Amino acid sequence: SLAGCAGGDLTTREKGAGIGAVGGAAAGGVV
């Protein structure tokens, strides 16, 4: 996670992927 954050600002695609992963993990955990 530290190495992944070292590249500068996140692109819109990376932000969308992160939000989707967290939301999907939360929903999948509940299900």
PDB file of all heavy atoms in Angstrom:
ATOM      1  N   SER A   1       0.833  -1.208   0.000  1.00  0.00           N
ATOM      2  CA  SER A   1       0.000   0.000   0.000  1.00  0.00           C
ATOM      3  C   SER A   1       0.864   1.253   0.000  1.00  0.00           C
ATOM      4  O   SER A   1       0.539   2.238  -0.650  1.00  0.00           O
ATOM      5  CB  SER A   1      -0.971   0.002   1.177  1.00  0.00           C
ATOM      6  OG  SER A   1      -0.277   0.121   2.394  1.00  0.00           O
ATOM      7  N   LEU A   2       1.971   1.221   0.717  1.00  0.00           N
ATOM      8  CA  LEU A   2       2.876   2.371   0.702  1.00  0.00           C
ATOM      9  C   LEU A   2       3.519   2.543  -0.666  1.00  0.00           C
ATOM     10  O   LEU A   2       3.653   3.661  -1.163  1.00  0.00           O
ATOM     11  CB  LEU A   2       3.963   2.220   1.773  1.00  0.00           C
ATOM     12  CG  LEU A   2       3.535   2.429   3.214  1.00  0.00           C
ATOM     13  CD1 LEU A   2       4.731   2.219   4.151  1.00  0.00           C
ATOM     14  CD2 LEU A   2       2.943   3.801   3.418  1.00  0.00           C
ATOM     15  N   ALA A   3       3.933   1.460  -1.265  1.00  0.00           N
ATOM     16  CA  ALA A   3       4.564   1.534  -2.587  1.00  0.00           C
ATOM     17  C   ALA A   3       3.566   2.013  -3.637  1.00  0.00           C
ATOM     18  O   ALA A   3       3.917   2.765  -4.544  1.00  0.00           O
ATOM     19  CB  ALA A   3       5.116   0.172  -2.976  1.00  0.00           C
ATOM     20  N   GLY A   4       2.322   1.611  -3.508  1.00  0.00           N
ATOM     21  CA  GLY A   4       1.310   2.024  -4.465  1.00  0.00           C
ATOM     22  C   GLY A   4       0.971   3.497  -4.376  1.00  0.00           C
ATOM     23  O   GLY A   4       0.560   4.106  -5.353  1.00  0.00           O
ATOM     24  N   CYS A   5       1.170   4.102  -3.235  1.00  0.00           N
ATOM     25  CA  CYS A   5       0.842   5.513  -3.047  1.00  0.00           C
ATOM     26  C   CYS A   5       2.007   6.432  -3.375  1.00  0.00           C
ATOM     27  O   CYS A   5       1.884   7.642  -3.279  1.00  0.00           O
ATOM     28  CB  CYS A   5       0.401   5.761  -1.603  1.00  0.00           C
ATOM     29  SG  CYS A   5      -1.143   4.935  -1.186  1.00  0.00           S
ATOM     30  N   ALA A   6       3.142   5.899  -3.757  1.00  0.00           N
ATOM     31  CA  ALA A   6       4.326   6.718  -3.967  1.00  0.00           C
ATOM     32  C   ALA A   6       4.370   7.370  -5.334  1.00  0.00           C
ATOM     33  O   ALA A   6       5.260   8.144  -5.613  1.00  0.00           O
ATOM     34  CB  ALA A   6       5.587   5.863  -3.769  1.00  0.00           C
ATOM     35  N   GLY A   7       3.425   7.089  -6.209  1.00  0.00           N
ATOM     36  CA  GLY A   7       3.489   7.567  -7.584  1.00  0.00           C
ATOM     37  C   GLY A   7       2.888   8.937  -7.828  1.00  0.00           C
ATOM     38  O   GLY A   7       2.809   9.370  -8.952  1.00  0.00           O
ATOM     39  N   GLY A   8       2.446   9.648  -6.847  1.00  0.00           N
ATOM     40  CA  GLY A   8       1.844  10.961  -7.051  1.00  0.00           C
ATOM     41  C   GLY A   8       0.327  10.882  -6.917  1.00  0.00           C
ATOM     42  O   GLY A   8      -0.222   9.965  -6.322  1.00  0.00           O
ATOM     43  N   ASP A   9      -0.336  11.863  -7.512  1.00  0.00           N
ATOM     44  CA  ASP A   9      -1.790  11.934  -7.423  1.00  0.00           C
ATOM     45  C   ASP A   9      -2.436  10.765  -8.155  1.00  0.00           C
ATOM     46  O   ASP A   9      -1.933  10.280  -9.165  1.00  0.00           O
ATOM     47  CB  ASP A   9      -2.292  13.242  -8.028  1.00  0.00           C
ATOM     48  CG  ASP A   9      -1.891  14.451  -7.202  1.00  0.00           C
ATOM     49  OD1 ASP A   9      -1.575  14.266  -6.009  1.00  0.00           O
ATOM     50  OD2 ASP A   9      -1.890  15.570  -7.746  1.00  0.00           O
ATOM     51  N   LEU A  10      -3.579  10.343  -7.649  1.00  0.00           N
ATOM     52  CA  LEU A  10      -4.323   9.263  -8.281  1.00  0.00           C
ATOM     53  C   LEU A  10      -5.107   9.797  -9.467  1.00  0.00           C
ATOM     54  O   LEU A  10      -5.636  10.914  -9.434  1.00  0.00           O
ATOM     55  CB  LEU A  10      -5.299   8.632  -7.284  1.00  0.00           C
ATOM     56  CG  LEU A  10      -4.694   7.910  -6.085  1.00  0.00           C
ATOM     57  CD1 LEU A  10      -5.808   7.429  -5.151  1.00  0.00           C
ATOM     58  CD2 LEU A  10      -3.855   6.744  -6.529  1.00  0.00           C
ATOM     59  N   THR A  11      -5.197   8.997 -10.512  1.00  0.00           N
ATOM     60  CA  THR A  11      -6.027   9.371 -11.648  1.00  0.00           C
ATOM     61  C   THR A  11      -7.482   9.074 -11.315  1.00  0.00           C
ATOM     62  O   THR A  11      -7.791   8.402 -10.335  1.00  0.00           O
ATOM     63  CB  THR A  11      -5.620   8.572 -12.905  1.00  0.00           C
ATOM     64  OG1 THR A  11      -5.891   7.184 -12.686  1.00  0.00           O
ATOM     65  CG2 THR A  11      -4.149   8.761 -13.240  1.00  0.00           C
ATOM     66  N   THR A  12      -8.362   9.561 -12.150  1.00  0.00           N
ATOM     67  CA  THR A  12      -9.787   9.312 -11.941  1.00  0.00           C
ATOM     68  C   THR A  12     -10.084   7.817 -12.010  1.00  0.00           C
ATOM     69  O   THR A  12     -10.900   7.305 -11.245  1.00  0.00           O
ATOM     70  CB  THR A  12     -10.615  10.067 -12.997  1.00  0.00           C
ATOM     71  OG1 THR A  12     -10.277  11.460 -12.914  1.00  0.00           O
ATOM     72  CG2 THR A  12     -12.099   9.902 -12.773  1.00  0.00           C
ATOM     73  N   ARG A  13      -9.390   7.120 -12.900  1.00  0.00           N
ATOM     74  CA  ARG A  13      -9.596   5.671 -13.004  1.00  0.00           C
ATOM     75  C   ARG A  13      -9.171   4.970 -11.725  1.00  0.00           C
ATOM     76  O   ARG A  13      -9.853   4.074 -11.229  1.00  0.00           O
ATOM     77  CB  ARG A  13      -8.809   5.130 -14.183  1.00  0.00           C
ATOM     78  CG  ARG A  13      -8.989   3.645 -14.366  1.00  0.00           C
ATOM     79  CD  ARG A  13      -8.232   3.129 -15.546  1.00  0.00           C
ATOM     80  NE  ARG A  13      -8.600   1.747 -15.782  1.00  0.00           N
ATOM     81  CZ  ARG A  13      -7.969   0.952 -16.586  1.00  0.00           C
ATOM     82  NH1 ARG A  13      -6.947   1.392 -17.272  1.00  0.00           N
ATOM     83  NH2 ARG A  13      -8.348  -0.289 -16.730  1.00  0.00           N
ATOM     84  N   GLU A  14      -8.025   5.363 -11.171  1.00  0.00           N
ATOM     85  CA  GLU A  14      -7.541   4.746  -9.942  1.00  0.00           C
ATOM     86  C   GLU A  14      -8.465   5.044  -8.764  1.00  0.00           C
ATOM     87  O   GLU A  14      -8.707   4.173  -7.922  1.00  0.00           O
ATOM     88  CB  GLU A  14      -6.122   5.217  -9.636  1.00  0.00           C
ATOM     89  CG  GLU A  14      -5.102   4.729 -10.650  1.00  0.00           C
ATOM     90  CD  GLU A  14      -3.767   5.433 -10.550  1.00  0.00           C
ATOM     91  OE1 GLU A  14      -3.697   6.536  -9.971  1.00  0.00           O
ATOM     92  OE2 GLU A  14      -2.791   4.879 -11.076  1.00  0.00           O
ATOM     93  N   LYS A  15      -8.984   6.258  -8.711  1.00  0.00           N
ATOM     94  CA  LYS A  15      -9.932   6.600  -7.649  1.00  0.00           C
ATOM     95  C   LYS A  15     -11.193   5.753  -7.765  1.00  0.00           C
ATOM     96  O   LYS A  15     -11.704   5.240  -6.768  1.00  0.00           O
ATOM     97  CB  LYS A  15     -10.301   8.087  -7.718  1.00  0.00           C
ATOM     98  CG  LYS A  15      -9.183   9.017  -7.319  1.00  0.00           C
ATOM     99  CD  LYS A  15      -9.605  10.463  -7.508  1.00  0.00           C
ATOM    100  CE  LYS A  15      -8.441  11.411  -7.289  1.00  0.00           C
ATOM    101  NZ  LYS A  15      -8.827  12.800  -7.575  1.00  0.00           N
ATOM    102  N   GLY A  16     -11.701   5.600  -8.984  1.00  0.00           N
ATOM    103  CA  GLY A  16     -12.891   4.787  -9.198  1.00  0.00           C
ATOM    104  C   GLY A  16     -12.656   3.332  -8.821  1.00  0.00           C
ATOM    105  O   GLY A  16     -13.509   2.690  -8.211  1.00  0.00           O
ATOM    106  N   ALA A  17     -11.479   2.824  -9.171  1.00  0.00           N
ATOM    107  CA  ALA A  17     -11.155   1.434  -8.834  1.00  0.00           C
ATOM    108  C   ALA A  17     -11.078   1.255  -7.321  1.00  0.00           C
ATOM    109  O   ALA A  17     -11.564   0.255  -6.781  1.00  0.00           O
ATOM    110  CB  ALA A  17      -9.836   1.035  -9.487  1.00  0.00           C
ATOM    111  N   GLY A  18     -10.475   2.205  -6.632  1.00  0.00           N
ATOM    112  CA  GLY A  18     -10.369   2.115  -5.173  1.00  0.00           C
ATOM    113  C   GLY A  18     -11.717   2.166  -4.494  1.00  0.00           C
ATOM    114  O   GLY A  18     -12.014   1.368  -3.605  1.00  0.00           O
ATOM    115  N   ILE A  19     -12.542   3.092  -4.928  1.00  0.00           N
ATOM    116  CA  ILE A  19     -13.883   3.216  -4.345  1.00  0.00           C
ATOM    117  C   ILE A  19     -14.691   1.957  -4.629  1.00  0.00           C
ATOM    118  O   ILE A  19     -15.386   1.424  -3.757  1.00  0.00           O
ATOM    119  CB  ILE A  19     -14.598   4.475  -4.887  1.00  0.00           C
ATOM    120  CG1 ILE A  19     -13.913   5.730  -4.351  1.00  0.00           C
ATOM    121  CG2 ILE A  19     -16.080   4.467  -4.526  1.00  0.00           C
ATOM    122  CD1 ILE A  19     -14.355   7.010  -5.023  1.00  0.00           C
ATOM    123  N   GLY A  20     -14.585   1.440  -5.858  1.00  0.00           N
ATOM    124  CA  GLY A  20     -15.310   0.222  -6.212  1.00  0.00           C
ATOM    125  C   GLY A  20     -14.847  -0.976  -5.400  1.00  0.00           C
ATOM    126  O   GLY A  20     -15.655  -1.791  -4.964  1.00  0.00           O
ATOM    127  N   ALA A  21     -13.528  -1.092  -5.190  1.00  0.00           N
ATOM    128  CA  ALA A  21     -12.995  -2.224  -4.434  1.00  0.00           C
ATOM    129  C   ALA A  21     -13.473  -2.186  -2.984  1.00  0.00           C
ATOM    130  O   ALA A  21     -13.890  -3.212  -2.430  1.00  0.00           O
ATOM    131  CB  ALA A  21     -11.476  -2.223  -4.496  1.00  0.00           C
ATOM    132  N   VAL A  22     -13.417  -1.020  -2.378  1.00  0.00           N
ATOM    133  CA  VAL A  22     -13.859  -0.903  -0.980  1.00  0.00           C
ATOM    134  C   VAL A  22     -15.357  -1.156  -0.862  1.00  0.00           C
ATOM    135  O   VAL A  22     -15.808  -1.910   0.010  1.00  0.00           O
ATOM    136  CB  VAL A  22     -13.484   0.489  -0.413  1.00  0.00           C
ATOM    137  CG1 VAL A  22     -14.121   0.727   0.942  1.00  0.00           C
ATOM    138  CG2 VAL A  22     -11.966   0.630  -0.312  1.00  0.00           C
ATOM    139  N   GLY A  23     -16.126  -0.553  -1.749  1.00  0.00           N
ATOM    140  CA  GLY A  23     -17.575  -0.758  -1.717  1.00  0.00           C
ATOM    141  C   GLY A  23     -17.950  -2.201  -2.002  1.00  0.00           C
ATOM    142  O   GLY A  23     -18.826  -2.776  -1.348  1.00  0.00           O
ATOM    143  N   GLY A  24     -17.272  -2.804  -2.978  1.00  0.00           N
ATOM    144  CA  GLY A  24     -17.553  -4.197  -3.309  1.00  0.00           C
ATOM    145  C   GLY A  24     -17.175  -5.139  -2.179  1.00  0.00           C
ATOM    146  O   GLY A  24     -17.887  -6.108  -1.894  1.00  0.00           O
ATOM    147  N   ALA A  25     -16.053  -4.871  -1.522  1.00  0.00           N
ATOM    148  CA  ALA A  25     -15.634  -5.714  -0.398  1.00  0.00           C
ATOM    149  C   ALA A  25     -16.627  -5.600   0.756  1.00  0.00           C
ATOM    150  O   ALA A  25     -16.956  -6.606   1.400  1.00  0.00           O
ATOM    151  CB  ALA A  25     -14.233  -5.322   0.059  1.00  0.00           C
ATOM    152  N   ALA A  26     -17.097  -4.388   1.005  1.00  0.00           N
ATOM    153  CA  ALA A  26     -18.071  -4.206   2.086  1.00  0.00           C
ATOM    154  C   ALA A  26     -19.366  -4.938   1.774  1.00  0.00           C
ATOM    155  O   ALA A  26     -19.907  -5.677   2.615  1.00  0.00           O
ATOM    156  CB  ALA A  26     -18.335  -2.717   2.305  1.00  0.00           C
ATOM    157  N   ALA A  27     -19.862  -4.753   0.564  1.00  0.00           N
ATOM    158  CA  ALA A  27     -21.106  -5.428   0.184  1.00  0.00           C
ATOM    159  C   ALA A  27     -20.920  -6.938   0.150  1.00  0.00           C
ATOM    160  O   ALA A  27     -21.782  -7.696   0.621  1.00  0.00           O
ATOM    161  CB  ALA A  27     -21.575  -4.928  -1.182  1.00  0.00           C
ATOM    162  N   GLY A  28     -19.787  -7.390  -0.393  1.00  0.00           N
ATOM    163  CA  GLY A  28     -19.519  -8.824  -0.441  1.00  0.00           C
ATOM    164  C   GLY A  28     -19.367  -9.425   0.944  1.00  0.00           C
ATOM    165  O   GLY A  28     -19.785 -10.558   1.190  1.00  0.00           O
ATOM    166  N   GLY A  29     -18.780  -8.672   1.871  1.00  0.00           N
ATOM    167  CA  GLY A  29     -18.655  -9.143   3.243  1.00  0.00           C
ATOM    168  C   GLY A  29     -19.994  -9.314   3.911  1.00  0.00           C
ATOM    169  O   GLY A  29     -20.225 -10.293   4.640  1.00  0.00           O
ATOM    170  N   VAL A  30     -20.901  -8.394   3.644  1.00  0.00           N
ATOM    171  CA  VAL A  30     -22.245  -8.490   4.224  1.00  0.00           C
ATOM    172  C   VAL A  30     -22.986  -9.690   3.641  1.00  0.00           C
ATOM    173  O   VAL A  30     -23.587 -10.484   4.371  1.00  0.00           O
ATOM    174  CB  VAL A  30     -23.038  -7.181   3.981  1.00  0.00           C
ATOM    175  CG1 VAL A  30     -24.504  -7.351   4.343  1.00  0.00           C
ATOM    176  CG2 VAL A  30     -22.424  -6.045   4.768  1.00  0.00           C
ATOM    177  N   VAL A  31     -22.917  -9.836   2.326  1.00  0.00           N
ATOM    178  CA  VAL A  31     -23.591 -10.969   1.686  1.00  0.00           C
ATOM    179  C   VAL A  31     -22.958 -12.282   2.135  1.00  0.00           C
ATOM    180  O   VAL A  31     -23.643 -13.252   2.439  1.00  0.00           O
ATOM    181  CB  VAL A  31     -23.551 -10.826   0.149  1.00  0.00           C
ATOM    182  CG1 VAL A  31     -24.038 -12.088  -0.534  1.00  0.00           C
ATOM    183  CG2 VAL A  31     -24.368  -9.631  -0.298  1.00  0.00           C
TER     184      VAL A  31
END
